[in-house]
């Protein structure tokens, strides 16, 4: 299957979905922490080949095979993205490799572009290792949003209509 690990498009560099695999394409042993660490290491290698680094990453998508791995993934993710982390959306998904526990894709922006990290007024400080929004060049990157009270972070109850309205309202 044709595959490019990374593609430059204008001011941005897109890193394709990357798993915790060794150089032979086999999933590394050691569970979610080992796979997260290896996936991030693989992304770092792709970024370096393009003349970029982790500090240039402005957006990631993390796909977990099991949502219960969220906290363990965050622990390792924080090792790489400690200061001014990218925006992020994390979802549960079926993955291509049977023993794969996560896949991460990323977008990096040219290092010379000014970045503005945005936490909307009135929203609580985000305790997780991702930024709420990042403006860079002509682009605005938003983190994944869930139906929650922006001041307290508490989940909001309701059916899909109520939760969708609440989530959409947070984008304006």
Protein backbone atom coordinates (compact mmCIF):
# COMPACT_ATOMS: atom_id res chain seq x y z
CA UNK A 1 0.00 0.00 0.00
CA UNK A 2 1.47 3.44 -0.91
CA UNK A 3 2.37 5.34 2.23
CA UNK A 4 4.20 8.58 3.03
CA UNK A 5 5.19 9.02 6.68
CA UNK A 6 5.10 12.79 6.24
CA UNK A 7 4.00 15.35 3.66
CA UNK A 8 4.84 19.05 3.43
CA UNK A 9 1.98 21.31 2.40
CA UNK A 10 2.74 25.03 2.43
CA UNK A 11 3.68 26.12 5.96
CA UNK A 12 2.67 22.78 7.44
CA UNK A 13 4.13 19.29 7.67
CA UNK A 14 1.65 16.45 8.16
CA UNK A 15 2.86 13.28 9.89
CA UNK A 16 0.74 10.26 8.98
CA UNK A 17 -0.72 7.99 11.63
CA UNK A 18 2.22 6.44 13.44
CA UNK A 19 2.17 3.44 15.73
CA UNK A 20 4.56 2.05 18.31
CA UNK A 21 6.44 -0.16 15.87
CA UNK A 22 10.08 -1.14 15.59
CA UNK A 23 12.11 -0.70 12.39
CA UNK A 24 10.69 -4.00 11.10
CA UNK A 25 7.09 -2.81 11.48
CA UNK A 26 6.32 -4.99 14.51
CA UNK A 27 4.44 -3.57 17.50
CA UNK A 28 6.81 -3.14 20.46
CA UNK A 29 6.18 -5.11 23.65
CA UNK A 30 5.48 -3.44 26.98
CA UNK A 31 1.92 -2.18 26.76
CA UNK A 32 0.51 1.28 26.22
CA UNK A 33 3.41 3.21 27.75
CA UNK A 34 6.01 1.45 25.59
CA UNK A 35 3.88 1.86 22.45
CA UNK A 36 3.20 5.54 23.17
CA UNK A 37 6.90 6.19 23.74
CA UNK A 38 7.85 4.37 20.51
CA UNK A 39 5.13 6.08 18.44
CA UNK A 40 6.35 9.48 19.67
CA UNK A 41 9.96 8.48 18.98
CA UNK A 42 8.95 7.46 15.44
CA UNK A 43 7.21 10.82 14.96
CA UNK A 44 10.37 12.55 16.19
CA UNK A 45 12.40 10.70 13.56
CA UNK A 46 9.99 11.76 10.80
CA UNK A 47 10.04 15.38 12.02
CA UNK A 48 13.84 15.42 12.16
CA UNK A 49 14.05 14.15 8.57
CA UNK A 50 11.96 17.19 7.55
CA UNK A 51 14.12 19.64 9.53
CA UNK A 52 11.59 19.95 12.33
CA UNK A 53 11.30 18.96 15.99
CA UNK A 54 8.61 18.23 18.58
CA UNK A 55 8.45 21.95 19.44
CA UNK A 56 7.10 22.57 15.93
CA UNK A 57 4.09 20.27 16.42
CA UNK A 58 0.84 22.26 16.70
CA UNK A 59 -1.77 19.49 16.50
CA UNK A 60 -2.04 15.77 17.19
CA UNK A 61 -4.73 13.14 16.97
CA UNK A 62 -4.39 10.15 19.27
CA UNK A 63 -6.39 7.01 18.54
CA UNK A 64 -6.59 4.54 21.42
CA UNK A 65 -7.74 0.94 21.02
CA UNK A 66 -8.97 1.10 24.62
CA UNK A 67 -10.08 4.37 26.25
CA UNK A 68 -8.93 3.00 29.62
CA UNK A 69 -5.35 3.60 28.40
CA UNK A 70 -5.93 7.38 28.36
CA UNK A 71 -4.12 8.16 31.64
CA UNK A 72 -1.11 5.95 30.89
CA UNK A 73 -0.82 7.46 27.39
CA UNK A 74 -0.95 10.99 28.88
CA UNK A 75 1.87 10.15 31.29
CA UNK A 76 4.24 9.35 28.40
CA UNK A 77 2.85 12.07 26.09
CA UNK A 78 3.73 14.62 28.78
CA UNK A 79 7.38 13.52 28.64
CA UNK A 80 7.58 14.86 25.06
CA UNK A 81 5.06 17.71 25.13
CA UNK A 82 5.70 19.32 28.52
CA UNK A 83 5.78 23.02 27.54
CA UNK A 84 3.32 24.60 25.08
CA UNK A 85 1.91 21.26 23.95
CA UNK A 86 0.02 20.94 20.67
CA UNK A 87 -3.77 20.87 20.51
CA UNK A 88 -5.04 17.33 20.59
CA UNK A 89 -8.09 15.18 20.00
CA UNK A 90 -8.12 11.70 21.52
CA UNK A 91 -10.62 9.07 20.45
CA UNK A 92 -11.13 5.35 20.75
CA UNK A 93 -10.77 3.49 17.46
CA UNK A 94 -10.14 0.13 15.85
CA UNK A 95 -6.51 0.13 14.70
CA UNK A 96 -4.89 -1.46 11.65
CA UNK A 97 -2.36 -3.63 13.50
CA UNK A 98 -3.91 -6.28 15.74
CA UNK A 99 -1.66 -5.75 18.76
CA UNK A 100 -1.53 -1.97 18.36
CA UNK A 101 -2.83 0.01 21.31
CA UNK A 102 -2.56 3.49 19.81
CA UNK A 103 -1.82 5.52 16.71
CA UNK A 104 -0.78 9.18 16.63
CA UNK A 105 -0.87 11.62 13.71
CA UNK A 106 0.59 15.11 13.90
CA UNK A 107 0.79 18.46 12.16
CA UNK A 108 3.87 20.64 12.55
CA UNK A 109 4.25 24.27 11.45
CA UNK A 110 7.34 25.98 10.11
CA UNK A 111 9.54 26.97 13.09
CA UNK A 112 9.77 30.62 12.00
CA UNK A 113 6.01 31.19 12.21
CA UNK A 114 4.73 32.99 15.30
CA UNK A 115 2.50 30.93 17.58
CA UNK A 116 -0.21 32.14 19.91
CA UNK A 117 -1.46 29.70 22.54
CA UNK A 118 -5.08 30.40 23.42
CA UNK A 119 -7.06 29.48 26.54
CA UNK A 120 -10.50 31.10 26.16
CA UNK A 121 -11.43 33.62 28.82
CA UNK A 122 -13.46 32.05 31.60
CA UNK A 123 -12.32 28.51 30.88
CA UNK A 124 -10.54 26.51 33.54
CA UNK A 125 -6.82 25.83 33.16
CA UNK A 126 -6.39 22.62 31.23
CA UNK A 127 -4.81 19.93 33.47
CA UNK A 128 -4.07 17.62 30.52
CA UNK A 129 -1.02 17.81 28.23
CA UNK A 130 -2.58 19.66 25.31
CA UNK A 131 -3.36 23.27 24.44
CA UNK A 132 -6.95 24.37 23.85
CA UNK A 133 -6.16 26.35 20.68
CA UNK A 134 -3.09 27.52 18.77
CA UNK A 135 -3.00 30.25 16.14
CA UNK A 136 -0.01 29.92 13.81
CA UNK A 137 0.40 31.80 10.55
CA UNK A 138 -3.00 31.81 8.83
CA UNK A 139 -4.16 28.70 10.70
CA UNK A 140 -6.14 28.11 13.88
CA UNK A 141 -5.90 24.68 15.47
CA UNK A 142 -8.53 23.61 18.02
CA UNK A 143 -8.33 20.75 20.49
CA UNK A 144 -11.06 18.16 20.47
CA UNK A 145 -14.05 19.35 22.48
CA UNK A 146 -16.40 17.37 24.65
CA UNK A 147 -19.64 18.35 26.32
CA UNK A 148 -18.41 19.85 29.58
CA UNK A 149 -18.68 22.98 31.65
CA UNK A 150 -15.75 25.15 30.49
CA UNK A 151 -15.33 26.75 33.93
CA UNK A 152 -15.26 23.55 35.99
CA UNK A 153 -14.48 20.82 33.47
CA UNK A 154 -17.44 18.79 34.77
CA UNK A 155 -19.20 16.61 32.21
CA UNK A 156 -22.64 17.82 31.13
CA UNK A 157 -25.49 15.37 30.95
CA UNK A 158 -28.06 15.13 28.23
CA UNK A 159 -28.85 13.40 24.97
CA UNK A 160 -26.82 13.80 21.77
CA UNK A 161 -28.73 16.95 20.78
CA UNK A 162 -27.98 18.69 24.11
CA UNK A 163 -24.32 17.63 24.13
CA UNK A 164 -23.77 18.61 20.48
CA UNK A 165 -25.29 22.05 21.06
CA UNK A 166 -23.07 22.58 24.12
CA UNK A 167 -19.93 21.45 22.27
CA UNK A 168 -20.68 23.54 19.16
CA UNK A 169 -21.32 26.57 21.36
CA UNK A 170 -17.81 26.30 22.79
CA UNK A 171 -16.29 26.88 19.32
CA UNK A 172 -17.73 30.37 18.92
